[in-house]
Amino acid sequence: MEVPAPKDPMSPRDVVTPDGSAPEKACTPSGPEICFDAIDNNCNGVIDEGCGVHTGILQFSAAWSEPSVDVDLEVTDPQGDTAQAGGERTTGGLVKDRDCPKPECNGQNLENVYLDEEQAPKGRYRVVVKLVKLADATAPIHVHLGARLGQRSYGFSFDLSPGDKTSEKVFEFTL
């Protein structure tokens, strides 16, 4: 009798992306980590490490270059709690440790949510990236979403513009 190989507990299932888009190649080695770009530049499975943002076995980061634009990253855990700015943990252990734009962001706009637990709760996660305020910038706003699930990183690049169907992107998956 053949024993099946153990399933990676951090492999996402039932993934839903905007317009059915697939993630970009998880990593292309480009040298040392570049801060505040939401990309795993050095291909070690961690996004923006050494840049003053927290990381965990789950991490979601959204980056954009226009300093006056407000883009929100909302991550909801399987219990239905959404990580809020200010560092309070959700029931499932998610923490939002960076919320831009703010003066302390110094024009390096990145929002970051990570899991402050050793194990990720099983269930359905929802990640929403939305344009809140365009300010004096010109649409569309290019955004990169980086996601770390265990030792794998994934990336999505997309544009956001004001309007019902173009102001947010929703990603969902099950662990």
C-alpha atoms as a PDB file:
ATOM      1  CA  MET A   1       0.000   0.000   0.000  1.00  0.00           C
ATOM      2  CA  GLU A   2       1.388   3.368  -1.047  1.00  0.00           C
ATOM      3  CA  VAL A   3       1.260   6.170   1.517  1.00  0.00           C
ATOM      4  CA  PRO A   4       0.364   9.556   0.005  1.00  0.00           C
ATOM      5  CA  ALA A   5       2.856  12.375   0.503  1.00  0.00           C
ATOM      6  CA  PRO A   6       1.851  14.807   3.262  1.00  0.00           C
ATOM      7  CA  LYS A   7       0.036  17.856   1.959  1.00  0.00           C
ATOM      8  CA  ASP A   8       1.693  21.227   2.530  1.00  0.00           C
ATOM      9  CA  PRO A   9      -0.556  22.877   5.157  1.00  0.00           C
ATOM     10  CA  MET A  10       0.284  26.298   3.710  1.00  0.00           C
ATOM     11  CA  SER A  11      -0.810  25.470   0.151  1.00  0.00           C
ATOM     12  CA  PRO A  12      -3.772  27.655  -0.768  1.00  0.00           C
ATOM     13  CA  ARG A  13      -6.887  25.982  -2.155  1.00  0.00           C
ATOM     14  CA  ASP A  14      -9.969  27.380  -3.854  1.00  0.00           C
ATOM     15  CA  VAL A  15      -8.087  30.532  -4.853  1.00  0.00           C
ATOM     16  CA  VAL A  16     -10.198  33.368  -6.254  1.00  0.00           C
ATOM     17  CA  THR A  17      -8.459  36.322  -7.909  1.00  0.00           C
ATOM     18  CA  PRO A  18      -9.817  39.385  -9.703  1.00  0.00           C
ATOM     19  CA  ASP A  19     -10.774  38.524 -13.250  1.00  0.00           C
ATOM     20  CA  GLY A  20      -9.304  35.039 -12.740  1.00  0.00           C
ATOM     21  CA  SER A  21      -5.770  36.437 -12.929  1.00  0.00           C
ATOM     22  CA  ALA A  22      -2.909  34.205 -11.825  1.00  0.00           C
ATOM     23  CA  PRO A  23      -0.125  35.380  -9.525  1.00  0.00           C
ATOM     24  CA  GLU A  24       3.135  36.569 -10.978  1.00  0.00           C
ATOM     25  CA  LYS A  25       6.167  34.344 -10.668  1.00  0.00           C
ATOM     26  CA  ALA A  26       6.695  34.131  -6.932  1.00  0.00           C
ATOM     27  CA  CYS A  27      10.275  35.283  -7.085  1.00  0.00           C
ATOM     28  CA  THR A  28      12.910  36.315  -9.573  1.00  0.00           C
ATOM     29  CA  PRO A  29      16.276  36.737  -7.871  1.00  0.00           C
ATOM     30  CA  SER A  30      17.262  40.368  -8.270  1.00  0.00           C
ATOM     31  CA  GLY A  31      19.794  40.763  -5.478  1.00  0.00           C
ATOM     32  CA  PRO A  32      19.309  42.171  -1.999  1.00  0.00           C
ATOM     33  CA  GLU A  33      15.898  42.985  -0.585  1.00  0.00           C
ATOM     34  CA  ILE A  34      14.459  46.321  -1.755  1.00  0.00           C
ATOM     35  CA  CYS A  35      12.376  47.913   0.973  1.00  0.00           C
ATOM     36  CA  PHE A  36       8.714  48.873   0.613  1.00  0.00           C
ATOM     37  CA  ASP A  37       8.036  47.202  -2.757  1.00  0.00           C
ATOM     38  CA  ALA A  38       6.043  44.183  -1.424  1.00  0.00           C
ATOM     39  CA  ILE A  39       8.312  41.809  -3.382  1.00  0.00           C
ATOM     40  CA  ASP A  40      10.554  38.975  -2.206  1.00  0.00           C
ATOM     41  CA  ASN A  41      13.583  40.321  -4.094  1.00  0.00           C
ATOM     42  CA  ASN A  42      16.129  37.899  -2.653  1.00  0.00           C
ATOM     43  CA  CYS A  43      13.905  34.802  -3.034  1.00  0.00           C
ATOM     44  CA  ASN A  44      14.089  33.627   0.566  1.00  0.00           C
ATOM     45  CA  GLY A  45      10.301  33.386   0.977  1.00  0.00           C
ATOM     46  CA  VAL A  46      10.020  36.578   3.071  1.00  0.00           C
ATOM     47  CA  ILE A  47       8.678  39.936   1.839  1.00  0.00           C
ATOM     48  CA  ASP A  48      10.603  43.146   2.681  1.00  0.00           C
ATOM     49  CA  GLU A  49      12.529  41.661   5.605  1.00  0.00           C
ATOM     50  CA  GLY A  50      14.984  44.030   7.259  1.00  0.00           C
ATOM     51  CA  CYS A  51      12.805  46.995   6.294  1.00  0.00           C
ATOM     52  CA  GLY A  52      11.090  47.629   9.619  1.00  0.00           C
ATOM     53  CA  VAL A  53       7.898  45.699   8.841  1.00  0.00           C
ATOM     54  CA  HIS A  54       6.897  42.520  10.602  1.00  0.00           C
ATOM     55  CA  THR A  55       6.630  39.166   8.917  1.00  0.00           C
ATOM     56  CA  GLY A  56       5.159  35.824   9.843  1.00  0.00           C
ATOM     57  CA  ILE A  57       4.176  32.552   8.242  1.00  0.00           C
ATOM     58  CA  LEU A  58       1.369  34.585   6.661  1.00  0.00           C
ATOM     59  CA  GLN A  59       2.129  38.082   5.399  1.00  0.00           C
ATOM     60  CA  PHE A  60       0.360  40.408   2.994  1.00  0.00           C
ATOM     61  CA  SER A  61       1.880  43.685   1.772  1.00  0.00           C
ATOM     62  CA  ALA A  62       0.536  46.253  -0.694  1.00  0.00           C
ATOM     63  CA  ALA A  63       2.893  48.873  -2.151  1.00  0.00           C
ATOM     64  CA  TRP A  64       2.347  51.878  -4.443  1.00  0.00           C
ATOM     65  CA  SER A  65       4.569  54.807  -5.367  1.00  0.00           C
ATOM     66  CA  GLU A  66       2.309  57.892  -5.309  1.00  0.00           C
ATOM     67  CA  PRO A  67       2.885  59.469  -1.860  1.00  0.00           C
ATOM     68  CA  SER A  68      -0.469  61.293  -1.550  1.00  0.00           C
ATOM     69  CA  VAL A  69      -2.656  58.334  -2.569  1.00  0.00           C
ATOM     70  CA  ASP A  70      -4.402  56.261   0.098  1.00  0.00           C
ATOM     71  CA  VAL A  71      -4.712  52.550  -0.682  1.00  0.00           C
ATOM     72  CA  ASP A  72      -6.072  50.238   1.997  1.00  0.00           C
ATOM     73  CA  LEU A  73      -5.122  46.613   2.575  1.00  0.00           C
ATOM     74  CA  GLU A  74      -7.810  44.650   4.403  1.00  0.00           C
ATOM     75  CA  VAL A  75      -7.140  41.049   5.431  1.00  0.00           C
ATOM     76  CA  THR A  76      -9.910  39.008   7.038  1.00  0.00           C
ATOM     77  CA  ASP A  77      -9.150  35.788   8.928  1.00  0.00           C
ATOM     78  CA  PRO A  78     -11.282  32.604   8.900  1.00  0.00           C
ATOM     79  CA  GLN A  79     -13.163  33.822  12.007  1.00  0.00           C
ATOM     80  CA  GLY A  80     -14.360  36.881  10.053  1.00  0.00           C
ATOM     81  CA  ASP A  81     -12.167  39.449  11.839  1.00  0.00           C
ATOM     82  CA  THR A  82     -10.349  42.057   9.740  1.00  0.00           C
ATOM     83  CA  ALA A  83      -6.893  43.297  10.791  1.00  0.00           C
ATOM     84  CA  GLN A  84      -7.103  46.970  11.767  1.00  0.00           C
ATOM     85  CA  ALA A  85      -4.425  49.660  11.892  1.00  0.00           C
ATOM     86  CA  GLY A  86      -2.957  50.125  15.337  1.00  0.00           C
ATOM     87  CA  GLY A  87      -1.496  46.707  15.945  1.00  0.00           C
ATOM     88  CA  GLU A  88      -4.428  44.959  17.621  1.00  0.00           C
ATOM     89  CA  ARG A  89      -4.582  41.241  16.884  1.00  0.00           C
ATOM     90  CA  THR A  90      -7.601  39.616  15.298  1.00  0.00           C
ATOM     91  CA  THR A  91      -9.042  36.465  16.846  1.00  0.00           C
ATOM     92  CA  GLY A  92      -6.993  34.479  14.323  1.00  0.00           C
ATOM     93  CA  GLY A  93      -3.741  36.364  15.094  1.00  0.00           C
ATOM     94  CA  LEU A  94      -3.519  38.825  12.186  1.00  0.00           C
ATOM     95  CA  VAL A  95      -1.877  42.202  12.911  1.00  0.00           C
ATOM     96  CA  LYS A  96      -1.734  45.306  10.695  1.00  0.00           C
ATOM     97  CA  ASP A  97       1.565  46.976  11.578  1.00  0.00           C
ATOM     98  CA  ARG A  98       1.867  49.517   8.773  1.00  0.00           C
ATOM     99  CA  ASP A  99      -0.877  51.811   7.455  1.00  0.00           C
ATOM    100  CA  CYS A 100       0.084  54.459   4.890  1.00  0.00           C
ATOM    101  CA  PRO A 101       0.038  57.232   3.897  1.00  0.00           C
ATOM    102  CA  LYS A 102       1.046  58.815   7.163  1.00  0.00           C
ATOM    103  CA  PRO A 103       3.975  61.133   7.974  1.00  0.00           C
ATOM    104  CA  GLU A 104       5.960  58.211   9.390  1.00  0.00           C
ATOM    105  CA  CYS A 105       5.728  56.441   6.000  1.00  0.00           C
ATOM    106  CA  ASN A 106       8.037  59.089   4.492  1.00  0.00           C
ATOM    107  CA  GLY A 107       6.481  58.649   1.049  1.00  0.00           C
ATOM    108  CA  GLN A 108       7.281  54.913   1.086  1.00  0.00           C
ATOM    109  CA  ASN A 109       3.729  53.684   0.877  1.00  0.00           C
ATOM    110  CA  LEU A 110       3.270  50.133   2.085  1.00  0.00           C
ATOM    111  CA  GLU A 111       0.529  48.512   4.100  1.00  0.00           C
ATOM    112  CA  ASN A 112       1.446  45.284   5.873  1.00  0.00           C
ATOM    113  CA  VAL A 113      -0.540  42.577   7.642  1.00  0.00           C
ATOM    114  CA  TYR A 114       1.127  39.537   9.190  1.00  0.00           C
ATOM    115  CA  LEU A 115       0.225  36.542  11.312  1.00  0.00           C
ATOM    116  CA  ASP A 116       1.523  36.800  14.879  1.00  0.00           C
ATOM    117  CA  GLU A 117       1.154  33.063  15.538  1.00  0.00           C
ATOM    118  CA  GLU A 118       3.191  29.908  14.917  1.00  0.00           C
ATOM    119  CA  GLN A 119       0.375  28.222  12.966  1.00  0.00           C
ATOM    120  CA  ALA A 120      -2.137  29.708  10.577  1.00  0.00           C
ATOM    121  CA  PRO A 121      -5.791  29.073  11.419  1.00  0.00           C
ATOM    122  CA  LYS A 122      -7.468  26.839   8.856  1.00  0.00           C
ATOM    123  CA  GLY A 123     -10.277  28.277   6.803  1.00  0.00           C
ATOM    124  CA  ARG A 124     -11.118  30.988   4.286  1.00  0.00           C
ATOM    125  CA  TYR A 125      -9.064  34.214   4.068  1.00  0.00           C
ATOM    126  CA  ARG A 126     -10.100  37.357   2.213  1.00  0.00           C
ATOM    127  CA  VAL A 127      -7.644  40.036   1.051  1.00  0.00           C
ATOM    128  CA  VAL A 128      -9.004  43.324  -0.324  1.00  0.00           C
ATOM    129  CA  VAL A 129      -6.874  46.106  -1.797  1.00  0.00           C
ATOM    130  CA  LYS A 130      -8.830  49.283  -2.465  1.00  0.00           C
ATOM    131  CA  LEU A 131      -8.271  52.847  -3.549  1.00  0.00           C
ATOM    132  CA  VAL A 132      -9.551  55.136  -0.795  1.00  0.00           C
ATOM    133  CA  LYS A 133      -8.269  58.555  -1.870  1.00  0.00           C
ATOM    134  CA  LEU A 134      -6.684  59.610  -5.160  1.00  0.00           C
ATOM    135  CA  ALA A 135      -5.695  63.061  -3.817  1.00  0.00           C
ATOM    136  CA  ASP A 136      -3.726  64.990  -6.460  1.00  0.00           C
ATOM    137  CA  ALA A 137      -2.450  61.892  -8.292  1.00  0.00           C
ATOM    138  CA  THR A 138      -3.596  60.759 -11.723  1.00  0.00           C
ATOM    139  CA  ALA A 139      -5.336  57.402 -12.102  1.00  0.00           C
ATOM    140  CA  PRO A 140      -4.679  54.591 -12.607  1.00  0.00           C
ATOM    141  CA  ILE A 141      -2.568  53.838  -9.515  1.00  0.00           C
ATOM    142  CA  HIS A 142      -0.235  50.866  -9.942  1.00  0.00           C
ATOM    143  CA  VAL A 143      -0.208  48.579  -6.886  1.00  0.00           C
ATOM    144  CA  HIS A 144       1.794  45.459  -6.082  1.00  0.00           C
ATOM    145  CA  LEU A 145       0.400  42.927  -3.615  1.00  0.00           C
ATOM    146  CA  GLY A 146       2.840  40.466  -2.105  1.00  0.00           C
ATOM    147  CA  ALA A 147       1.629  37.422  -0.194  1.00  0.00           C
ATOM    148  CA  ARG A 148       3.680  35.015   1.891  1.00  0.00           C
ATOM    149  CA  LEU A 149       2.152  31.636   2.724  1.00  0.00           C
ATOM    150  CA  GLY A 150       4.680  29.611   4.681  1.00  0.00           C
ATOM    151  CA  GLN A 151       7.953  29.623   2.746  1.00  0.00           C
ATOM    152  CA  ARG A 152       6.365  30.623  -0.573  1.00  0.00           C
ATOM    153  CA  SER A 153       5.778  34.137  -1.782  1.00  0.00           C
ATOM    154  CA  TYR A 154       3.300  35.208  -4.440  1.00  0.00           C
ATOM    155  CA  GLY A 155       2.809  38.495  -6.233  1.00  0.00           C
ATOM    156  CA  PHE A 156       0.061  40.358  -8.041  1.00  0.00           C
ATOM    157  CA  SER A 157       0.363  43.677  -9.898  1.00  0.00           C
ATOM    158  CA  PHE A 158      -2.696  45.663 -10.895  1.00  0.00           C
ATOM    159  CA  ASP A 159      -4.085  49.162 -11.380  1.00  0.00           C
ATOM    160  CA  LEU A 160      -6.736  50.885  -9.274  1.00  0.00           C
ATOM    161  CA  SER A 161      -8.905  53.796 -10.412  1.00  0.00           C
ATOM    162  CA  PRO A 162     -11.945  55.554  -8.967  1.00  0.00           C
ATOM    163  CA  GLY A 163     -15.157  53.764  -9.906  1.00  0.00           C
ATOM    164  CA  ASP A 164     -17.341  50.879  -8.823  1.00  0.00           C
ATOM    165  CA  LYS A 165     -15.520  48.096 -10.687  1.00  0.00           C
ATOM    166  CA  THR A 166     -11.976  49.503 -10.720  1.00  0.00           C
ATOM    167  CA  SER A 167     -11.405  50.828  -7.208  1.00  0.00           C
ATOM    168  CA  GLU A 168     -10.739  47.501  -5.472  1.00  0.00           C
ATOM    169  CA  LYS A 169      -9.366  44.009  -6.029  1.00  0.00           C
ATOM    170  CA  VAL A 170     -10.466  41.023  -3.973  1.00  0.00           C
ATOM    171  CA  PHE A 171      -8.438  37.847  -3.444  1.00  0.00           C
ATOM    172  CA  GLU A 172      -9.678  34.816  -1.494  1.00  0.00           C
ATOM    173  CA  PHE A 173      -8.197  31.439  -0.609  1.00  0.00           C
ATOM    174  CA  THR A 174      -8.576  28.568   1.825  1.00  0.00           C
ATOM    175  CA  LEU A 175      -5.839  27.047   3.979  1.00  0.00           C
END
